[in-house]
Amino acid sequence: MPILNVNPTRMELTNLKRKLATARRGHKLLKDKRDELMRRFMEMVRENKELRKKVENNIAQANAHMAVARSVMGDAALEAALMIPMQEMNVEVSEKNVMSVIIPQFTGALRTADESDIYPYGFAFTSSELDGAVKYISDILPELIKLAEIEKSCQLMAAEIEKTRRRVNALEHVMIPQYEETIRYITMKLDENERGNTTRIMKVKDMMLKQAHGY
């Protein structure tokens, strides 16, 4: 591991020891953050898997009902029945902070509270299969909005986990070892200088004694 390009002085040694302590604290905090992000990410993945399975099953049911309704009513009658919808859903978007990750929150609200407004046609000339298809689609809309929220949150969490993982690795395998190696180098240099100074002092003392006493 290459050392940092610094002067081997006691001041630099003190600064490096302080930086090393900070890097170790940051490494521990980032590891804790990464582990907590991974835990929450796995919870979201499991929730996403269950919700997607439920949504896909309901979509399959709606498609089956719609196929039967088309075969009974015909395409022209089906298009005429669904031409002018009476109900609509508005989606409000807000945000939530989870471990420094800003994830979206989607809230869907129907324009009216009347459940019959999901049927934009009279029941006299339509098939009951069409009613079933419309009901399935209406019931699945909130779950689709929730699924979109979870999938987007998973994407954002995965990106933050990757970024945190890179920082942890940089601290663990580059910065902290580099600080430690530089501290050892400076300590060794200072010890060498101290031993050299001690040797020079002893030699000067011997020379002074020799000059003063002749030995």
N, C-alpha and C. Protein backbone atom coordinates (compact mmCIF):
# COMPACT_ATOMS: atom_id res chain seq x y z
N MET A 1 0.85 -1.19 0.00
CA MET A 1 0.00 0.00 0.00
C MET A 1 0.88 1.24 0.00
N PRO A 2 0.79 2.12 -1.01
CA PRO A 2 1.62 3.34 -1.04
C PRO A 2 1.21 4.29 0.08
N ILE A 3 2.21 4.99 0.60
CA ILE A 3 1.93 5.92 1.70
C ILE A 3 1.58 7.28 1.14
N LEU A 4 1.04 8.14 2.01
CA LEU A 4 0.69 9.49 1.60
C LEU A 4 1.96 10.34 1.49
N ASN A 5 1.91 11.32 0.61
CA ASN A 5 3.05 12.21 0.40
C ASN A 5 3.01 13.33 1.44
N VAL A 6 3.53 13.06 2.65
CA VAL A 6 3.54 14.05 3.73
C VAL A 6 4.92 14.08 4.36
N ASN A 7 5.19 15.17 5.04
CA ASN A 7 6.46 15.27 5.77
C ASN A 7 6.40 14.45 7.05
N PRO A 8 7.44 13.68 7.36
CA PRO A 8 7.43 12.85 8.58
C PRO A 8 7.69 13.66 9.84
N THR A 9 6.71 14.47 10.23
CA THR A 9 6.83 15.29 11.43
C THR A 9 5.78 14.88 12.45
N ARG A 10 5.99 15.30 13.68
CA ARG A 10 5.03 14.95 14.74
C ARG A 10 3.67 15.60 14.49
N MET A 11 3.66 16.79 13.91
CA MET A 11 2.39 17.44 13.61
C MET A 11 1.60 16.63 12.58
N GLU A 12 2.30 16.18 11.53
CA GLU A 12 1.63 15.34 10.53
C GLU A 12 1.16 14.03 11.14
N LEU A 13 1.95 13.48 12.04
CA LEU A 13 1.56 12.24 12.71
C LEU A 13 0.28 12.43 13.52
N THR A 14 0.19 13.55 14.23
CA THR A 14 -1.03 13.84 15.01
C THR A 14 -2.23 14.02 14.09
N ASN A 15 -2.04 14.74 12.98
CA ASN A 15 -3.14 14.95 12.04
C ASN A 15 -3.60 13.63 11.43
N LEU A 16 -2.64 12.78 11.07
CA LEU A 16 -3.01 11.50 10.47
C LEU A 16 -3.74 10.60 11.46
N LYS A 17 -3.32 10.61 12.71
CA LYS A 17 -4.02 9.80 13.72
C LYS A 17 -5.45 10.28 13.89
N ARG A 18 -5.65 11.60 13.85
CA ARG A 18 -7.00 12.15 13.95
C ARG A 18 -7.83 11.75 12.73
N LYS A 19 -7.23 11.83 11.54
CA LYS A 19 -7.94 11.43 10.32
C LYS A 19 -8.26 9.94 10.34
N LEU A 20 -7.34 9.13 10.85
CA LEU A 20 -7.58 7.69 10.92
C LEU A 20 -8.75 7.38 11.84
N ALA A 21 -8.81 8.06 13.00
CA ALA A 21 -9.92 7.83 13.92
C ALA A 21 -11.25 8.23 13.27
N THR A 22 -11.24 9.36 12.54
CA THR A 22 -12.46 9.80 11.84
C THR A 22 -12.86 8.81 10.76
N ALA A 23 -11.88 8.31 10.00
CA ALA A 23 -12.16 7.34 8.94
C ALA A 23 -12.74 6.05 9.52
N ARG A 24 -12.23 5.61 10.65
CA ARG A 24 -12.76 4.38 11.26
C ARG A 24 -14.19 4.58 11.75
N ARG A 25 -14.47 5.75 12.33
CA ARG A 25 -15.84 6.03 12.75
C ARG A 25 -16.77 6.08 11.54
N GLY A 26 -16.32 6.77 10.48
CA GLY A 26 -17.13 6.84 9.27
C GLY A 26 -17.35 5.48 8.65
N HIS A 27 -16.33 4.63 8.69
CA HIS A 27 -16.45 3.27 8.14
C HIS A 27 -17.51 2.49 8.90
N LYS A 28 -17.50 2.60 10.23
CA LYS A 28 -18.50 1.87 11.03
C LYS A 28 -19.91 2.39 10.75
N LEU A 29 -20.06 3.72 10.67
CA LEU A 29 -21.39 4.28 10.40
C LEU A 29 -21.90 3.87 9.03
N LEU A 30 -21.02 3.89 8.03
CA LEU A 30 -21.43 3.52 6.68
C LEU A 30 -21.78 2.03 6.59
N LYS A 31 -21.04 1.19 7.33
CA LYS A 31 -21.37 -0.23 7.34
C LYS A 31 -22.74 -0.46 7.97
N ASP A 32 -23.00 0.26 9.08
CA ASP A 32 -24.31 0.14 9.72
C ASP A 32 -25.41 0.62 8.77
N LYS A 33 -25.15 1.72 8.06
CA LYS A 33 -26.13 2.23 7.11
C LYS A 33 -26.36 1.23 5.98
N ARG A 34 -25.28 0.65 5.47
CA ARG A 34 -25.41 -0.33 4.39
C ARG A 34 -26.23 -1.54 4.84
N ASP A 35 -25.95 -2.03 6.04
CA ASP A 35 -26.68 -3.20 6.55
C ASP A 35 -28.17 -2.90 6.73
N GLU A 36 -28.47 -1.70 7.26
CA GLU A 36 -29.88 -1.34 7.46
C GLU A 36 -30.59 -1.13 6.12
N LEU A 37 -29.88 -0.53 5.16
CA LEU A 37 -30.46 -0.37 3.82
C LEU A 37 -30.74 -1.73 3.20
N MET A 38 -29.83 -2.67 3.36
CA MET A 38 -30.03 -4.00 2.81
C MET A 38 -31.23 -4.68 3.45
N ARG A 39 -31.39 -4.50 4.77
CA ARG A 39 -32.53 -5.12 5.46
C ARG A 39 -33.85 -4.56 4.93
N ARG A 40 -33.92 -3.24 4.81
CA ARG A 40 -35.16 -2.63 4.32
C ARG A 40 -35.37 -2.95 2.84
N PHE A 41 -34.29 -3.02 2.08
CA PHE A 41 -34.41 -3.35 0.66
C PHE A 41 -34.98 -4.75 0.48
N MET A 42 -34.52 -5.71 1.28
CA MET A 42 -35.02 -7.08 1.17
C MET A 42 -36.49 -7.15 1.57
N GLU A 43 -36.90 -6.36 2.56
CA GLU A 43 -38.32 -6.31 2.93
C GLU A 43 -39.15 -5.79 1.75
N MET A 44 -38.65 -4.73 1.10
CA MET A 44 -39.37 -4.17 -0.05
C MET A 44 -39.43 -5.17 -1.21
N VAL A 45 -38.34 -5.89 -1.42
CA VAL A 45 -38.32 -6.87 -2.51
C VAL A 45 -39.35 -7.96 -2.28
N ARG A 46 -39.44 -8.43 -1.03
CA ARG A 46 -40.44 -9.46 -0.72
C ARG A 46 -41.86 -8.92 -0.91
N GLU A 47 -42.09 -7.69 -0.43
CA GLU A 47 -43.42 -7.07 -0.61
C GLU A 47 -43.72 -6.87 -2.08
N ASN A 48 -42.72 -6.46 -2.85
CA ASN A 48 -42.89 -6.24 -4.28
C ASN A 48 -43.25 -7.56 -4.99
N LYS A 49 -42.59 -8.63 -4.60
CA LYS A 49 -42.84 -9.93 -5.22
C LYS A 49 -44.28 -10.39 -4.98
N GLU A 50 -44.74 -10.27 -3.73
CA GLU A 50 -46.10 -10.69 -3.40
C GLU A 50 -47.13 -9.81 -4.11
N LEU A 51 -46.90 -8.49 -4.10
CA LEU A 51 -47.86 -7.58 -4.71
C LEU A 51 -47.90 -7.76 -6.22
N ARG A 52 -46.74 -7.96 -6.84
CA ARG A 52 -46.71 -8.17 -8.30
C ARG A 52 -47.47 -9.44 -8.67
N LYS A 53 -47.29 -10.49 -7.87
CA LYS A 53 -48.00 -11.74 -8.15
C LYS A 53 -49.51 -11.53 -8.07
N LYS A 54 -49.95 -10.77 -7.07
CA LYS A 54 -51.37 -10.50 -6.91
C LYS A 54 -51.90 -9.65 -8.06
N VAL A 55 -51.14 -8.62 -8.46
CA VAL A 55 -51.56 -7.73 -9.55
C VAL A 55 -51.64 -8.51 -10.86
N GLU A 56 -50.63 -9.32 -11.14
CA GLU A 56 -50.64 -10.08 -12.39
C GLU A 56 -51.80 -11.07 -12.44
N ASN A 57 -52.13 -11.65 -11.28
CA ASN A 57 -53.27 -12.57 -11.24
C ASN A 57 -54.59 -11.83 -11.52
N ASN A 58 -54.75 -10.65 -10.92
CA ASN A 58 -55.97 -9.88 -11.15
C ASN A 58 -56.06 -9.38 -12.60
N ILE A 59 -54.91 -9.01 -13.17
CA ILE A 59 -54.92 -8.58 -14.58
C ILE A 59 -55.33 -9.74 -15.48
N ALA A 60 -54.84 -10.93 -15.16
CA ALA A 60 -55.21 -12.11 -15.95
C ALA A 60 -56.72 -12.37 -15.85
N GLN A 61 -57.27 -12.20 -14.64
CA GLN A 61 -58.71 -12.38 -14.46
C GLN A 61 -59.50 -11.34 -15.26
N ALA A 62 -59.04 -10.08 -15.21
CA ALA A 62 -59.72 -9.02 -15.96
C ALA A 62 -59.66 -9.28 -17.46
N ASN A 63 -58.50 -9.73 -17.95
CA ASN A 63 -58.37 -10.05 -19.38
C ASN A 63 -59.29 -11.20 -19.78
N ALA A 64 -59.42 -12.18 -18.91
CA ALA A 64 -60.29 -13.32 -19.22
C ALA A 64 -61.75 -12.86 -19.32
N HIS A 65 -62.18 -12.04 -18.35
CA HIS A 65 -63.55 -11.52 -18.40
C HIS A 65 -63.76 -10.65 -19.63
N MET A 66 -62.75 -9.83 -19.96
CA MET A 66 -62.87 -8.94 -21.11
C MET A 66 -62.94 -9.75 -22.41
N ALA A 67 -62.20 -10.84 -22.50
CA ALA A 67 -62.23 -11.67 -23.70
C ALA A 67 -63.61 -12.29 -23.90
N VAL A 68 -64.21 -12.77 -22.80
CA VAL A 68 -65.56 -13.35 -22.89
C VAL A 68 -66.57 -12.27 -23.26
N ALA A 69 -66.45 -11.07 -22.64
CA ALA A 69 -67.38 -9.98 -22.95
C ALA A 69 -67.27 -9.57 -24.42
N ARG A 70 -66.06 -9.54 -24.97
CA ARG A 70 -65.88 -9.18 -26.38
C ARG A 70 -66.52 -10.22 -27.30
N SER A 71 -66.39 -11.48 -26.91
CA SER A 71 -66.98 -12.53 -27.75
C SER A 71 -68.51 -12.49 -27.71
N VAL A 72 -69.09 -12.06 -26.59
CA VAL A 72 -70.55 -12.00 -26.44
C VAL A 72 -71.12 -10.73 -27.07
N MET A 73 -70.47 -9.59 -26.80
CA MET A 73 -71.03 -8.30 -27.21
C MET A 73 -70.55 -7.85 -28.59
N GLY A 74 -69.32 -8.22 -28.96
CA GLY A 74 -68.75 -7.70 -30.19
C GLY A 74 -67.92 -6.46 -29.92
N ASP A 75 -66.98 -6.19 -30.79
CA ASP A 75 -66.04 -5.08 -30.56
C ASP A 75 -66.75 -3.72 -30.58
N ALA A 76 -67.67 -3.52 -31.51
CA ALA A 76 -68.33 -2.22 -31.64
C ALA A 76 -69.13 -1.89 -30.38
N ALA A 77 -69.92 -2.84 -29.89
CA ALA A 77 -70.72 -2.61 -28.69
C ALA A 77 -69.84 -2.39 -27.47
N LEU A 78 -68.72 -3.12 -27.41
CA LEU A 78 -67.79 -2.99 -26.27
C LEU A 78 -67.16 -1.60 -26.26
N GLU A 79 -66.73 -1.14 -27.42
CA GLU A 79 -66.12 0.19 -27.50
C GLU A 79 -67.14 1.28 -27.18
N ALA A 80 -68.38 1.09 -27.62
CA ALA A 80 -69.42 2.09 -27.33
C ALA A 80 -69.72 2.14 -25.83
N ALA A 81 -69.70 1.00 -25.17
CA ALA A 81 -70.00 0.96 -23.74
C ALA A 81 -68.92 1.64 -22.91
N LEU A 82 -67.66 1.53 -23.37
CA LEU A 82 -66.54 2.07 -22.58
C LEU A 82 -66.05 3.41 -23.11
N MET A 83 -66.80 4.03 -24.00
CA MET A 83 -66.33 5.24 -24.68
C MET A 83 -66.21 6.42 -23.73
N ILE A 84 -67.16 6.61 -22.82
CA ILE A 84 -67.19 7.81 -21.96
C ILE A 84 -67.12 7.36 -20.49
N PRO A 85 -65.92 7.34 -19.89
CA PRO A 85 -65.81 6.91 -18.49
C PRO A 85 -66.42 7.93 -17.54
N MET A 86 -67.01 7.44 -16.46
CA MET A 86 -67.62 8.32 -15.45
C MET A 86 -66.71 8.52 -14.24
N GLN A 87 -65.76 7.66 -14.08
CA GLN A 87 -64.89 7.73 -12.89
C GLN A 87 -63.46 7.97 -13.33
N GLU A 88 -62.68 8.62 -12.46
CA GLU A 88 -61.26 8.80 -12.72
C GLU A 88 -60.50 8.76 -11.40
N MET A 89 -59.22 8.44 -11.48
CA MET A 89 -58.39 8.37 -10.28
C MET A 89 -57.25 9.37 -10.40
N ASN A 90 -57.10 10.16 -9.35
CA ASN A 90 -55.99 11.11 -9.28
C ASN A 90 -54.91 10.55 -8.36
N VAL A 91 -53.66 10.78 -8.74
CA VAL A 91 -52.53 10.27 -7.98
C VAL A 91 -51.73 11.44 -7.42
N GLU A 92 -51.59 11.47 -6.10
CA GLU A 92 -50.77 12.48 -5.44
C GLU A 92 -49.42 11.87 -5.09
N VAL A 93 -48.36 12.65 -5.33
CA VAL A 93 -46.99 12.18 -5.10
C VAL A 93 -46.37 12.97 -3.95
N SER A 94 -45.87 12.26 -2.97
CA SER A 94 -45.13 12.87 -1.88
C SER A 94 -43.81 12.12 -1.72
N GLU A 95 -43.00 12.52 -0.75
CA GLU A 95 -41.69 11.90 -0.56
C GLU A 95 -41.49 11.51 0.90
N LYS A 96 -40.62 10.52 1.08
CA LYS A 96 -40.30 10.05 2.43
C LYS A 96 -38.80 9.78 2.49
N ASN A 97 -38.19 10.15 3.61
CA ASN A 97 -36.75 9.95 3.80
C ASN A 97 -36.52 8.65 4.56
N VAL A 98 -35.84 7.71 3.92
CA VAL A 98 -35.51 6.43 4.54
C VAL A 98 -34.00 6.25 4.47
N MET A 99 -33.31 6.43 5.60
CA MET A 99 -31.85 6.27 5.64
C MET A 99 -31.16 7.14 4.60
N SER A 100 -31.57 8.41 4.54
CA SER A 100 -31.01 9.39 3.60
C SER A 100 -31.39 9.12 2.15
N VAL A 101 -32.33 8.23 1.91
CA VAL A 101 -32.82 7.97 0.56
C VAL A 101 -34.22 8.56 0.45
N ILE A 102 -34.41 9.45 -0.51
CA ILE A 102 -35.72 10.07 -0.72
C ILE A 102 -36.51 9.16 -1.65
N ILE A 103 -37.52 8.49 -1.09
CA ILE A 103 -38.33 7.58 -1.89
C ILE A 103 -39.73 8.17 -2.06
N PRO A 104 -40.39 7.86 -3.18
CA PRO A 104 -41.71 8.46 -3.44
C PRO A 104 -42.82 7.73 -2.70
N GLN A 105 -43.90 8.43 -2.48
CA GLN A 105 -45.13 7.85 -1.95
C GLN A 105 -46.28 8.28 -2.86
N PHE A 106 -46.96 7.31 -3.43
CA PHE A 106 -48.07 7.58 -4.34
C PHE A 106 -49.38 7.30 -3.62
N THR A 107 -50.31 8.25 -3.67
CA THR A 107 -51.62 8.09 -3.05
C THR A 107 -52.68 8.33 -4.12
N GLY A 108 -53.48 7.28 -4.38
CA GLY A 108 -54.53 7.38 -5.38
C GLY A 108 -55.88 7.69 -4.74
N ALA A 109 -56.64 8.55 -5.36
CA ALA A 109 -57.96 8.91 -4.84
C ALA A 109 -58.94 9.00 -6.00
N LEU A 110 -60.09 8.33 -5.87
CA LEU A 110 -61.13 8.40 -6.90
C LEU A 110 -61.83 9.75 -6.87
N ARG A 111 -62.30 10.17 -8.02
CA ARG A 111 -62.97 11.46 -8.11
C ARG A 111 -64.25 11.47 -7.28
N THR A 112 -65.01 10.38 -7.31
CA THR A 112 -66.24 10.26 -6.52
C THR A 112 -66.18 9.01 -5.67
N ALA A 113 -66.96 8.99 -4.60
CA ALA A 113 -66.97 7.84 -3.71
C ALA A 113 -68.00 6.80 -4.11
N ASP A 114 -68.82 7.09 -5.09
CA ASP A 114 -69.86 6.16 -5.52
C ASP A 114 -69.24 5.01 -6.31
N GLU A 115 -69.39 3.78 -5.80
CA GLU A 115 -68.78 2.62 -6.45
C GLU A 115 -69.38 2.33 -7.82
N SER A 116 -70.62 2.71 -8.02
CA SER A 116 -71.27 2.43 -9.31
C SER A 116 -70.72 3.29 -10.44
N ASP A 117 -69.96 4.35 -10.09
CA ASP A 117 -69.42 5.22 -11.13
C ASP A 117 -68.32 4.55 -11.95
N ILE A 118 -67.86 3.38 -11.51
CA ILE A 118 -66.82 2.71 -12.30
C ILE A 118 -67.42 2.10 -13.58
N TYR A 119 -68.76 1.98 -13.62
CA TYR A 119 -69.42 1.42 -14.81
C TYR A 119 -69.96 2.57 -15.67
N PRO A 120 -69.34 2.85 -16.81
CA PRO A 120 -69.77 4.00 -17.62
C PRO A 120 -70.89 3.64 -18.61
N TYR A 121 -71.72 2.68 -18.27
CA TYR A 121 -72.74 2.22 -19.22
C TYR A 121 -73.94 1.70 -18.43
N GLY A 122 -75.02 1.53 -19.10
CA GLY A 122 -76.18 0.89 -18.50
C GLY A 122 -76.03 -0.64 -18.56
N PHE A 123 -76.74 -1.32 -17.69
CA PHE A 123 -76.58 -2.77 -17.59
C PHE A 123 -77.53 -3.54 -18.52
N ALA A 124 -78.41 -2.82 -19.20
CA ALA A 124 -79.43 -3.52 -19.99
C ALA A 124 -78.84 -4.20 -21.22
N PHE A 125 -77.87 -3.57 -21.85
CA PHE A 125 -77.37 -4.08 -23.12
C PHE A 125 -75.91 -4.53 -23.05
N THR A 126 -75.41 -4.79 -21.85
CA THR A 126 -74.02 -5.23 -21.70
C THR A 126 -73.98 -6.58 -21.00
N SER A 127 -72.81 -7.20 -21.09
CA SER A 127 -72.62 -8.53 -20.51
C SER A 127 -72.14 -8.42 -19.06
N SER A 128 -72.53 -9.40 -18.27
CA SER A 128 -72.03 -9.43 -16.89
C SER A 128 -70.53 -9.66 -16.85
N GLU A 129 -69.98 -10.28 -17.90
CA GLU A 129 -68.53 -10.47 -17.96
C GLU A 129 -67.80 -9.13 -18.05
N LEU A 130 -68.42 -8.18 -18.74
CA LEU A 130 -67.83 -6.84 -18.81
C LEU A 130 -67.84 -6.19 -17.44
N ASP A 131 -68.92 -6.40 -16.69
CA ASP A 131 -68.97 -5.87 -15.32
C ASP A 131 -67.82 -6.43 -14.49
N GLY A 132 -67.59 -7.74 -14.65
CA GLY A 132 -66.51 -8.37 -13.89
C GLY A 132 -65.15 -7.82 -14.29
N ALA A 133 -64.93 -7.61 -15.58
CA ALA A 133 -63.65 -7.06 -16.04
C ALA A 133 -63.42 -5.66 -15.49
N VAL A 134 -64.48 -4.82 -15.56
CA VAL A 134 -64.36 -3.45 -15.05
C VAL A 134 -64.10 -3.45 -13.55
N LYS A 135 -64.76 -4.33 -12.83
CA LYS A 135 -64.57 -4.43 -11.38
C LYS A 135 -63.14 -4.83 -11.04
N TYR A 136 -62.62 -5.84 -11.75
CA TYR A 136 -61.24 -6.26 -11.50
C TYR A 136 -60.26 -5.11 -11.76
N ILE A 137 -60.46 -4.40 -12.86
CA ILE A 137 -59.56 -3.30 -13.20
C ILE A 137 -59.65 -2.19 -12.16
N SER A 138 -60.86 -1.89 -11.71
CA SER A 138 -61.04 -0.85 -10.70
C SER A 138 -60.36 -1.24 -9.38
N ASP A 139 -60.52 -2.51 -9.00
CA ASP A 139 -59.92 -2.96 -7.74
C ASP A 139 -58.40 -3.00 -7.80
N ILE A 140 -57.87 -3.20 -9.00
CA ILE A 140 -56.43 -3.37 -9.13
C ILE A 140 -55.67 -2.05 -9.21
N LEU A 141 -56.37 -0.95 -9.51
CA LEU A 141 -55.69 0.33 -9.67
C LEU A 141 -54.89 0.75 -8.42
N PRO A 142 -55.47 0.69 -7.20
CA PRO A 142 -54.67 1.06 -6.02
C PRO A 142 -53.43 0.17 -5.85
N GLU A 143 -53.58 -1.13 -6.18
CA GLU A 143 -52.45 -2.03 -6.06
C GLU A 143 -51.38 -1.73 -7.11
N LEU A 144 -51.82 -1.32 -8.30
CA LEU A 144 -50.85 -0.92 -9.32
C LEU A 144 -50.06 0.31 -8.89
N ILE A 145 -50.75 1.26 -8.27
CA ILE A 145 -50.07 2.47 -7.78
C ILE A 145 -49.08 2.10 -6.67
N LYS A 146 -49.49 1.23 -5.77
CA LYS A 146 -48.59 0.78 -4.70
C LYS A 146 -47.40 0.02 -5.27
N LEU A 147 -47.65 -0.80 -6.29
CA LEU A 147 -46.56 -1.54 -6.93
C LEU A 147 -45.55 -0.59 -7.58
N ALA A 148 -46.06 0.45 -8.24
CA ALA A 148 -45.16 1.43 -8.84
C ALA A 148 -44.32 2.13 -7.78
N GLU A 149 -44.94 2.44 -6.65
CA GLU A 149 -44.22 3.08 -5.54
C GLU A 149 -43.10 2.18 -5.01
N ILE A 150 -43.42 0.91 -4.80
CA ILE A 150 -42.43 -0.01 -4.24
C ILE A 150 -41.29 -0.26 -5.22
N GLU A 151 -41.63 -0.44 -6.50
CA GLU A 151 -40.58 -0.71 -7.48
C GLU A 151 -39.64 0.48 -7.63
N LYS A 152 -40.18 1.70 -7.64
CA LYS A 152 -39.32 2.88 -7.71
C LYS A 152 -38.47 3.00 -6.45
N SER A 153 -39.05 2.70 -5.30
CA SER A 153 -38.29 2.75 -4.04
C SER A 153 -37.16 1.73 -4.05
N CYS A 154 -37.43 0.55 -4.59
CA CYS A 154 -36.39 -0.49 -4.68
C CYS A 154 -35.24 -0.03 -5.57
N GLN A 155 -35.55 0.63 -6.68
CA GLN A 155 -34.50 1.14 -7.56
C GLN A 155 -33.63 2.17 -6.84
N LEU A 156 -34.27 3.09 -6.13
CA LEU A 156 -33.52 4.13 -5.42
C LEU A 156 -32.69 3.54 -4.29
N MET A 157 -33.28 2.56 -3.56
CA MET A 157 -32.55 1.93 -2.46
C MET A 157 -31.35 1.14 -2.99
N ALA A 158 -31.53 0.45 -4.11
CA ALA A 158 -30.43 -0.32 -4.69
C ALA A 158 -29.28 0.60 -5.10
N ALA A 159 -29.61 1.76 -5.69
CA ALA A 159 -28.57 2.71 -6.08
C ALA A 159 -27.82 3.24 -4.86
N GLU A 160 -28.56 3.53 -3.78
CA GLU A 160 -27.92 4.03 -2.56
C GLU A 160 -27.07 2.94 -1.90
N ILE A 161 -27.53 1.70 -1.94
CA ILE A 161 -26.74 0.59 -1.38
C ILE A 161 -25.42 0.45 -2.13
N GLU A 162 -25.48 0.53 -3.45
CA GLU A 162 -24.26 0.41 -4.25
C GLU A 162 -23.29 1.56 -3.96
N LYS A 163 -23.83 2.78 -3.83
CA LYS A 163 -22.98 3.92 -3.53
C LYS A 163 -22.35 3.79 -2.15
N THR A 164 -23.14 3.35 -1.17
CA THR A 164 -22.61 3.16 0.18
C THR A 164 -21.59 2.04 0.21
N ARG A 165 -21.83 0.97 -0.54
CA ARG A 165 -20.88 -0.14 -0.59
C ARG A 165 -19.53 0.31 -1.14
N ARG A 166 -19.55 1.15 -2.18
CA ARG A 166 -18.30 1.65 -2.74
C ARG A 166 -17.54 2.50 -1.73
N ARG A 167 -18.28 3.31 -0.96
CA ARG A 167 -17.61 4.14 0.05
C ARG A 167 -17.01 3.28 1.16
N VAL A 168 -17.75 2.27 1.58
CA VAL A 168 -17.23 1.36 2.62
C VAL A 168 -15.97 0.68 2.13
N ASN A 169 -15.98 0.19 0.90
CA ASN A 169 -14.81 -0.49 0.35
C ASN A 169 -13.63 0.46 0.21
N ALA A 170 -13.90 1.71 -0.21
CA ALA A 170 -12.82 2.69 -0.34
C ALA A 170 -12.17 2.97 1.01
N LEU A 171 -12.99 3.11 2.04
CA LEU A 171 -12.43 3.34 3.38
C LEU A 171 -11.69 2.11 3.88
N GLU A 172 -12.30 0.94 3.70
CA GLU A 172 -11.75 -0.28 4.28
C GLU A 172 -10.47 -0.74 3.58
N HIS A 173 -10.41 -0.60 2.26
CA HIS A 173 -9.30 -1.17 1.50
C HIS A 173 -8.31 -0.14 0.98
N VAL A 174 -8.63 1.15 1.06
CA VAL A 174 -7.71 2.17 0.53
C VAL A 174 -7.33 3.18 1.60
N MET A 175 -8.29 3.95 2.09
CA MET A 175 -7.96 5.08 2.94
C MET A 175 -7.41 4.64 4.30
N ILE A 176 -8.12 3.75 4.99
CA ILE A 176 -7.65 3.34 6.32
C ILE A 176 -6.29 2.65 6.25
N PRO A 177 -6.08 1.66 5.34
CA PRO A 177 -4.73 1.07 5.24
C PRO A 177 -3.65 2.09 4.88
N GLN A 178 -4.00 3.08 4.04
CA GLN A 178 -3.02 4.09 3.66
C GLN A 178 -2.66 4.97 4.84
N TYR A 179 -3.65 5.35 5.63
CA TYR A 179 -3.37 6.12 6.84
C TYR A 179 -2.49 5.30 7.80
N GLU A 180 -2.84 4.03 8.00
CA GLU A 180 -2.07 3.19 8.93
C GLU A 180 -0.63 3.02 8.46
N GLU A 181 -0.44 2.81 7.17
CA GLU A 181 0.90 2.62 6.64
C GLU A 181 1.72 3.91 6.76
N THR A 182 1.09 5.04 6.49
CA THR A 182 1.79 6.32 6.61
C THR A 182 2.15 6.61 8.05
N ILE A 183 1.25 6.29 8.97
CA ILE A 183 1.53 6.49 10.40
C ILE A 183 2.71 5.62 10.84
N ARG A 184 2.76 4.38 10.37
CA ARG A 184 3.90 3.51 10.71
C ARG A 184 5.20 4.08 10.13
N TYR A 185 5.12 4.58 8.90
CA TYR A 185 6.31 5.14 8.27
C TYR A 185 6.81 6.36 9.04
N ILE A 186 5.91 7.28 9.39
CA ILE A 186 6.32 8.48 10.12
C ILE A 186 6.86 8.11 11.50
N THR A 187 6.21 7.19 12.18
CA THR A 187 6.67 6.75 13.50
C THR A 187 8.08 6.18 13.40
N MET A 188 8.32 5.36 12.38
CA MET A 188 9.64 4.76 12.19
C MET A 188 10.69 5.84 11.91
N LYS A 189 10.31 6.83 11.06
CA LYS A 189 11.23 7.92 10.76
C LYS A 189 11.57 8.74 12.00
N LEU A 190 10.55 9.04 12.79
CA LEU A 190 10.77 9.82 14.01
C LEU A 190 11.64 9.07 14.99
N ASP A 191 11.42 7.74 15.10
CA ASP A 191 12.27 6.92 15.98
C ASP A 191 13.71 6.92 15.49
N GLU A 192 13.89 6.83 14.17
CA GLU A 192 15.24 6.85 13.61
C GLU A 192 15.92 8.19 13.90
N ASN A 193 15.17 9.26 13.70
CA ASN A 193 15.73 10.60 13.97
C ASN A 193 16.09 10.75 15.45
N GLU A 194 15.22 10.20 16.32
CA GLU A 194 15.50 10.30 17.76
C GLU A 194 16.75 9.52 18.13
N ARG A 195 16.89 8.32 17.56
CA ARG A 195 18.09 7.54 17.84
C ARG A 195 19.33 8.24 17.28
N GLY A 196 19.18 8.85 16.07
CA GLY A 196 20.31 9.59 15.50
C GLY A 196 20.68 10.77 16.36
N ASN A 197 19.70 11.49 16.86
CA ASN A 197 19.99 12.64 17.74
C ASN A 197 20.67 12.19 19.02
N THR A 198 20.21 11.07 19.58
CA THR A 198 20.82 10.55 20.80
C THR A 198 22.28 10.18 20.56
N THR A 199 22.53 9.54 19.41
CA THR A 199 23.91 9.17 19.07
C THR A 199 24.79 10.39 18.90
N ARG A 200 24.28 11.42 18.22
CA ARG A 200 25.06 12.64 18.03
C ARG A 200 25.34 13.33 19.37
N ILE A 201 24.36 13.36 20.25
CA ILE A 201 24.55 14.00 21.56
C ILE A 201 25.63 13.26 22.34
N MET A 202 25.60 11.92 22.27
CA MET A 202 26.62 11.14 22.99
C MET A 202 28.01 11.40 22.42
N LYS A 203 28.09 11.52 21.07
CA LYS A 203 29.39 11.79 20.46
C LYS A 203 29.90 13.18 20.85
N VAL A 204 28.99 14.17 20.84
CA VAL A 204 29.38 15.52 21.24
C VAL A 204 29.84 15.54 22.68
N LYS A 205 29.12 14.79 23.53
CA LYS A 205 29.51 14.72 24.95
C LYS A 205 30.90 14.12 25.11
N ASP A 206 31.17 13.03 24.33
CA ASP A 206 32.49 12.40 24.40
C ASP A 206 33.57 13.37 23.95
N MET A 207 33.30 14.13 22.88
CA MET A 207 34.28 15.09 22.39
C MET A 207 34.53 16.19 23.41
N MET A 208 33.47 16.67 24.07
CA MET A 208 33.64 17.72 25.08
C MET A 208 34.43 17.21 26.27
N LEU A 209 34.14 15.96 26.70
CA LEU A 209 34.87 15.37 27.81
C LEU A 209 36.34 15.18 27.46
N LYS A 210 36.60 14.79 26.20
CA LYS A 210 37.97 14.56 25.76
C LYS A 210 38.74 15.87 25.74
N GLN A 211 38.08 16.94 25.27
CA GLN A 211 38.73 18.25 25.23
C GLN A 211 38.97 18.80 26.65
N ALA A 212 38.01 18.54 27.54
CA ALA A 212 38.10 19.10 28.89
C ALA A 212 39.06 18.32 29.78
N HIS A 213 39.08 17.01 29.65
CA HIS A 213 39.86 16.19 30.60
C HIS A 213 40.94 15.38 29.91
N GLY A 214 40.95 15.39 28.64
CA GLY A 214 41.97 14.64 27.93
C GLY A 214 41.70 13.17 27.83
N TYR A 215 40.47 12.76 27.97
CA TYR A 215 40.13 11.35 27.76
C TYR A 215 38.81 11.24 27.02
